[in-house]
């Protein structure tokens, strides 16, 4: 067989694989997503600032020119940065291991360079 024959055979095999992959993809059914969508209606009624921040994020470039968005962002910064506004949350205690932890030995003294002879 010469080079032209190999090229034609390669092209036919490539087209056959492409057609087969396309047919498989077209007959494939989408599975329903496993996760549930989050209902934000309850969360918006609890915190109106959060609802306003979501609205401001959704309006795009008009947000920096909207006075209510500017007030909402200022209030969000005040809540986030002001000390004592939020209660300090205590981190959970580390789980106690049934095995005692190994102690790490102290590092050895640094090596001194040898004297040049």
N, C-alpha and C. Protein backbone atom coordinates (compact mmCIF):
# COMPACT_ATOMS: atom_id res chain seq x y z
N UNK A 1 0.84 -1.18 0.00
CA UNK A 1 0.00 0.00 0.00
C UNK A 1 0.88 1.24 0.00
N UNK A 2 0.43 2.22 -0.72
CA UNK A 2 1.20 3.44 -0.80
C UNK A 2 0.65 4.48 0.18
N UNK A 3 1.23 5.67 0.21
CA UNK A 3 0.88 6.73 1.15
C UNK A 3 -0.53 7.26 0.96
N UNK A 4 -0.99 7.35 -0.31
CA UNK A 4 -2.33 7.86 -0.56
C UNK A 4 -3.39 6.93 0.03
N UNK A 5 -3.13 5.65 -0.06
CA UNK A 5 -4.09 4.67 0.44
C UNK A 5 -4.20 4.78 1.96
N UNK A 6 -3.05 4.95 2.66
CA UNK A 6 -3.07 5.13 4.12
C UNK A 6 -3.80 6.41 4.51
N UNK A 7 -3.60 7.48 3.76
CA UNK A 7 -4.28 8.74 4.05
C UNK A 7 -5.79 8.59 3.88
N UNK A 8 -6.22 7.93 2.81
CA UNK A 8 -7.66 7.72 2.59
C UNK A 8 -8.26 6.84 3.68
N UNK A 9 -7.56 5.79 4.03
CA UNK A 9 -8.03 4.89 5.07
C UNK A 9 -8.12 5.62 6.41
N UNK A 10 -7.14 6.45 6.72
CA UNK A 10 -7.16 7.24 7.95
C UNK A 10 -8.32 8.22 7.97
N UNK A 11 -8.59 8.87 6.84
CA UNK A 11 -9.70 9.82 6.76
C UNK A 11 -11.04 9.10 6.95
N UNK A 12 -11.19 7.93 6.37
CA UNK A 12 -12.43 7.17 6.50
C UNK A 12 -12.63 6.73 7.95
N UNK A 13 -11.57 6.26 8.60
CA UNK A 13 -11.68 5.85 10.00
C UNK A 13 -12.02 7.06 10.87
N UNK A 14 -11.39 8.21 10.62
CA UNK A 14 -11.67 9.41 11.40
C UNK A 14 -13.12 9.85 11.25
N UNK A 15 -13.64 9.84 10.03
CA UNK A 15 -15.03 10.23 9.78
C UNK A 15 -15.98 9.24 10.44
N UNK A 16 -15.65 7.95 10.39
CA UNK A 16 -16.51 6.95 11.01
C UNK A 16 -16.56 7.15 12.53
N UNK A 17 -15.44 7.44 13.15
CA UNK A 17 -15.40 7.68 14.59
C UNK A 17 -16.18 8.95 14.93
N UNK A 18 -16.02 10.00 14.13
CA UNK A 18 -16.74 11.25 14.40
C UNK A 18 -18.24 11.07 14.27
N UNK A 19 -18.69 10.34 13.26
CA UNK A 19 -20.13 10.10 13.07
C UNK A 19 -20.67 9.25 14.22
N UNK A 20 -19.94 8.25 14.64
CA UNK A 20 -20.37 7.40 15.75
C UNK A 20 -20.46 8.20 17.04
N UNK A 21 -19.47 9.03 17.33
CA UNK A 21 -19.49 9.85 18.55
C UNK A 21 -20.66 10.82 18.52
N UNK A 22 -20.93 11.41 17.37
CA UNK A 22 -22.06 12.34 17.25
C UNK A 22 -23.38 11.62 17.48
N UNK A 23 -23.53 10.43 16.91
CA UNK A 23 -24.77 9.67 17.09
C UNK A 23 -24.97 9.29 18.56
N UNK A 24 -23.91 8.89 19.23
CA UNK A 24 -24.02 8.53 20.64
C UNK A 24 -24.40 9.75 21.46
N UNK A 25 -23.79 10.89 21.20
CA UNK A 25 -24.09 12.11 21.96
C UNK A 25 -25.52 12.58 21.73
N UNK A 26 -26.03 12.42 20.52
CA UNK A 26 -27.38 12.88 20.22
C UNK A 26 -28.44 11.99 20.87
N UNK A 27 -28.15 10.71 21.06
CA UNK A 27 -29.13 9.80 21.66
C UNK A 27 -29.04 9.77 23.18
N UNK A 28 -28.05 10.44 23.75
CA UNK A 28 -27.85 10.44 25.20
C UNK A 28 -28.88 11.35 25.86
N UNK A 29 -29.45 10.88 26.97
CA UNK A 29 -30.45 11.64 27.71
C UNK A 29 -29.79 12.34 28.89
N UNK A 30 -30.21 13.58 29.13
CA UNK A 30 -29.70 14.33 30.26
C UNK A 30 -30.32 13.80 31.54
N UNK A 31 -29.50 13.53 32.55
CA UNK A 31 -30.00 13.12 33.85
C UNK A 31 -30.47 14.35 34.61
N UNK A 32 -31.48 14.17 35.44
CA UNK A 32 -31.96 15.27 36.27
C UNK A 32 -30.87 15.60 37.30
N UNK A 33 -30.68 16.87 37.62
CA UNK A 33 -29.66 17.21 38.60
C UNK A 33 -29.99 16.64 39.97
N UNK A 34 -28.97 16.23 40.68
CA UNK A 34 -29.15 15.60 41.98
C UNK A 34 -29.47 16.65 43.04
N UNK A 35 -28.88 17.81 42.93
CA UNK A 35 -29.05 18.83 43.96
C UNK A 35 -30.41 19.53 43.84
N UNK A 36 -30.84 20.11 44.93
CA UNK A 36 -32.09 20.85 44.98
C UNK A 36 -31.78 22.33 44.83
N UNK A 37 -32.67 23.07 44.21
CA UNK A 37 -32.46 24.50 44.10
C UNK A 37 -32.76 25.15 45.44
N UNK A 38 -32.05 26.23 45.73
CA UNK A 38 -32.21 26.92 46.99
C UNK A 38 -33.33 27.94 46.87
N UNK A 39 -34.25 27.93 47.81
CA UNK A 39 -35.34 28.89 47.82
C UNK A 39 -34.88 30.12 48.58
N UNK A 40 -34.70 31.23 47.87
CA UNK A 40 -34.19 32.44 48.49
C UNK A 40 -35.29 33.31 49.09
N UNK A 41 -36.53 32.97 48.87
CA UNK A 41 -37.60 33.82 49.37
C UNK A 41 -37.57 33.92 50.89
N UNK A 42 -37.26 32.84 51.59
CA UNK A 42 -37.18 32.87 53.05
C UNK A 42 -35.98 33.65 53.54
N UNK A 43 -34.86 33.55 52.84
CA UNK A 43 -33.66 34.25 53.25
C UNK A 43 -33.79 35.75 53.03
N UNK A 44 -34.50 36.16 51.97
CA UNK A 44 -34.64 37.58 51.70
C UNK A 44 -35.51 38.26 52.74
N UNK A 45 -36.50 37.56 53.26
CA UNK A 45 -37.37 38.17 54.26
C UNK A 45 -36.64 38.33 55.59
N UNK A 46 -35.64 37.51 55.85
CA UNK A 46 -34.91 37.59 57.10
C UNK A 46 -33.93 38.76 57.07
N UNK A 47 -33.20 38.94 55.99
CA UNK A 47 -32.20 39.99 55.91
C UNK A 47 -32.45 40.84 54.67
N UNK A 48 -33.07 42.01 54.83
CA UNK A 48 -33.34 42.84 53.66
C UNK A 48 -32.06 43.39 53.03
N UNK A 49 -30.98 43.54 53.82
CA UNK A 49 -29.72 44.02 53.25
C UNK A 49 -29.18 43.03 52.23
N UNK A 50 -29.29 41.74 52.56
CA UNK A 50 -28.81 40.71 51.63
C UNK A 50 -29.60 40.75 50.32
N UNK A 51 -30.91 40.95 50.44
CA UNK A 51 -31.74 41.03 49.24
C UNK A 51 -31.34 42.24 48.40
N UNK A 52 -31.05 43.35 49.05
CA UNK A 52 -30.64 44.55 48.31
C UNK A 52 -29.28 44.35 47.66
N UNK A 53 -28.36 43.67 48.34
CA UNK A 53 -27.04 43.39 47.75
C UNK A 53 -27.16 42.48 46.54
N UNK A 54 -28.06 41.50 46.61
CA UNK A 54 -28.28 40.61 45.47
C UNK A 54 -28.86 41.40 44.30
N UNK A 55 -29.81 42.30 44.60
CA UNK A 55 -30.39 43.13 43.55
C UNK A 55 -29.33 44.03 42.92
N UNK A 56 -28.47 44.61 43.73
CA UNK A 56 -27.42 45.50 43.22
C UNK A 56 -26.41 44.74 42.37
N UNK A 57 -26.12 43.51 42.76
CA UNK A 57 -25.20 42.70 41.96
C UNK A 57 -25.82 42.34 40.62
N UNK A 58 -27.13 42.24 40.59
CA UNK A 58 -27.82 41.85 39.35
C UNK A 58 -27.99 42.99 38.36
N UNK A 59 -27.90 44.23 38.81
CA UNK A 59 -28.13 45.33 37.86
C UNK A 59 -26.87 45.75 37.12
N UNK A 60 -25.74 45.16 37.46
CA UNK A 60 -24.52 45.38 36.69
C UNK A 60 -23.90 46.75 36.89
N UNK A 61 -23.59 47.42 35.78
CA UNK A 61 -22.87 48.70 35.83
C UNK A 61 -23.70 49.83 36.42
N UNK A 62 -25.00 49.66 36.50
CA UNK A 62 -25.85 50.71 37.08
C UNK A 62 -25.75 50.72 38.60
N UNK A 63 -25.19 49.69 39.20
CA UNK A 63 -25.08 49.61 40.64
C UNK A 63 -24.31 50.75 41.29
N UNK A 64 -23.12 51.10 40.80
CA UNK A 64 -22.37 52.20 41.42
C UNK A 64 -23.07 53.56 41.33
N UNK A 65 -24.03 53.71 40.44
CA UNK A 65 -24.75 54.98 40.32
C UNK A 65 -26.07 54.98 41.08
N UNK A 66 -26.48 53.84 41.60
CA UNK A 66 -27.75 53.73 42.30
C UNK A 66 -27.54 54.10 43.78
N UNK A 67 -28.25 55.13 44.29
CA UNK A 67 -28.05 55.54 45.68
C UNK A 67 -28.39 54.45 46.70
N UNK A 68 -29.42 53.64 46.44
CA UNK A 68 -29.76 52.59 47.40
C UNK A 68 -28.67 51.51 47.43
N UNK A 69 -28.03 51.26 46.29
CA UNK A 69 -26.92 50.30 46.28
C UNK A 69 -25.72 50.85 47.05
N UNK A 70 -25.45 52.12 46.88
CA UNK A 70 -24.34 52.73 47.61
C UNK A 70 -24.59 52.65 49.12
N UNK A 71 -25.83 52.89 49.56
CA UNK A 71 -26.15 52.78 50.98
C UNK A 71 -26.03 51.33 51.46
N UNK A 72 -26.48 50.40 50.63
CA UNK A 72 -26.40 48.98 51.01
C UNK A 72 -24.95 48.53 51.14
N UNK A 73 -24.10 48.94 50.21
CA UNK A 73 -22.68 48.56 50.28
C UNK A 73 -22.01 49.20 51.49
N UNK A 74 -22.36 50.45 51.80
CA UNK A 74 -21.80 51.11 52.97
C UNK A 74 -22.22 50.37 54.26
N UNK A 75 -23.48 49.99 54.33
CA UNK A 75 -23.96 49.25 55.50
C UNK A 75 -23.29 47.89 55.60
N UNK A 76 -23.08 47.24 54.47
CA UNK A 76 -22.41 45.94 54.47
C UNK A 76 -20.96 46.09 54.95
N UNK A 77 -20.27 47.13 54.49
CA UNK A 77 -18.90 47.37 54.96
C UNK A 77 -18.90 47.66 56.45
N UNK A 78 -19.87 48.46 56.92
CA UNK A 78 -19.94 48.78 58.35
C UNK A 78 -20.14 47.52 59.17
N UNK A 79 -21.03 46.65 58.71
CA UNK A 79 -21.28 45.40 59.43
C UNK A 79 -20.06 44.50 59.44
N UNK A 80 -19.37 44.46 58.31
CA UNK A 80 -18.24 43.54 58.19
C UNK A 80 -17.01 44.04 58.95
N UNK A 81 -16.74 45.34 58.87
CA UNK A 81 -15.50 45.87 59.41
C UNK A 81 -15.61 46.40 60.83
N UNK A 82 -16.79 46.73 61.29
CA UNK A 82 -16.93 47.33 62.62
C UNK A 82 -16.67 46.30 63.70
N UNK A 83 -15.81 46.63 64.67
CA UNK A 83 -15.56 45.67 65.76
C UNK A 83 -16.76 45.62 66.70
N UNK A 84 -17.09 44.43 67.14
CA UNK A 84 -18.15 44.26 68.10
C UNK A 84 -19.55 44.23 67.53
N UNK A 85 -19.72 44.43 66.22
CA UNK A 85 -21.06 44.41 65.64
C UNK A 85 -21.57 42.98 65.59
N UNK A 86 -20.70 42.06 65.20
CA UNK A 86 -21.09 40.65 65.16
C UNK A 86 -20.58 39.95 66.41
N UNK A 87 -21.31 39.02 66.95
CA UNK A 87 -20.79 38.28 68.12
C UNK A 87 -19.63 37.40 67.69
N UNK A 88 -18.66 37.31 68.56
CA UNK A 88 -17.50 36.47 68.27
C UNK A 88 -17.93 35.02 68.30
N UNK A 89 -17.66 34.31 67.23
CA UNK A 89 -18.02 32.90 67.16
C UNK A 89 -16.85 32.08 67.67
N UNK A 90 -17.17 31.13 68.51
CA UNK A 90 -16.14 30.25 69.05
C UNK A 90 -15.92 29.11 68.09
N UNK A 91 -14.67 28.83 67.80
CA UNK A 91 -14.34 27.71 66.93
C UNK A 91 -14.58 26.41 67.68
N UNK A 92 -15.01 25.37 66.97
CA UNK A 92 -15.23 24.09 67.66
C UNK A 92 -13.92 23.51 68.14
N UNK A 93 -13.99 22.79 69.26
CA UNK A 93 -12.80 22.15 69.80
C UNK A 93 -12.34 21.05 68.86
N UNK A 94 -11.02 20.85 68.84
CA UNK A 94 -10.45 19.79 68.01
C UNK A 94 -10.86 18.44 68.59
N UNK A 95 -11.18 17.47 67.74
CA UNK A 95 -11.56 16.15 68.27
C UNK A 95 -10.37 15.52 68.98
N UNK A 96 -10.66 14.86 70.09
CA UNK A 96 -9.62 14.22 70.87
C UNK A 96 -9.28 12.87 70.26
N UNK A 97 -8.03 12.66 70.00
CA UNK A 97 -7.57 11.42 69.41
C UNK A 97 -7.32 10.40 70.52
N UNK A 98 -7.68 9.13 70.31
CA UNK A 98 -7.42 8.12 71.34
C UNK A 98 -5.93 7.82 71.47
N UNK A 99 -5.14 8.18 70.47
CA UNK A 99 -3.70 7.93 70.50
C UNK A 99 -2.99 9.22 70.90
N UNK A 100 -2.01 9.14 71.80
CA UNK A 100 -1.29 10.36 72.17
C UNK A 100 -0.51 10.89 70.97
N UNK A 101 -0.40 12.18 70.92
CA UNK A 101 0.33 12.78 69.80
C UNK A 101 1.82 12.64 70.03
N UNK A 102 2.53 12.46 68.96
CA UNK A 102 3.98 12.32 69.04
C UNK A 102 4.60 13.70 69.19
N UNK A 103 5.65 13.75 70.00
CA UNK A 103 6.34 15.02 70.16
C UNK A 103 7.37 15.17 69.06
N UNK A 104 7.55 16.38 68.63
CA UNK A 104 8.50 16.66 67.57
C UNK A 104 9.82 17.03 68.23
N UNK A 105 10.91 16.33 67.89
CA UNK A 105 12.20 16.64 68.52
C UNK A 105 12.69 18.01 68.08
N UNK A 106 13.45 18.63 68.97
CA UNK A 106 14.03 19.95 68.67
C UNK A 106 15.03 19.81 67.53
N UNK A 107 15.16 20.83 66.69
CA UNK A 107 16.11 20.74 65.58
C UNK A 107 17.54 20.71 66.10
N UNK A 108 18.39 20.00 65.38
CA UNK A 108 19.79 19.89 65.74
C UNK A 108 20.47 21.23 65.52
N UNK A 109 21.61 21.41 66.16
CA UNK A 109 22.36 22.66 66.01
C UNK A 109 22.79 22.78 64.55
N UNK A 110 22.81 24.01 64.03
CA UNK A 110 23.20 24.18 62.64
C UNK A 110 24.65 23.76 62.42
N UNK A 111 24.90 23.23 61.26
CA UNK A 111 26.25 22.78 60.93
C UNK A 111 27.14 23.98 60.68
N UNK A 112 28.35 23.90 61.21
CA UNK A 112 29.33 24.97 61.03
C UNK A 112 30.17 24.62 59.81
N UNK A 113 30.53 25.61 58.99
CA UNK A 113 31.37 25.32 57.82
C UNK A 113 32.76 24.86 58.29
N UNK A 114 33.31 23.92 57.57
CA UNK A 114 34.63 23.40 57.91
C UNK A 114 35.68 24.46 57.59
N UNK A 115 36.75 24.36 58.35
CA UNK A 115 37.83 25.33 58.14
C UNK A 115 38.53 25.01 56.84
N UNK A 116 38.93 26.03 56.14
CA UNK A 116 39.64 25.87 54.88
C UNK A 116 41.09 25.63 55.18
N UNK A 117 41.70 24.63 54.61
CA UNK A 117 43.11 24.31 54.86
C UNK A 117 44.00 24.94 53.86
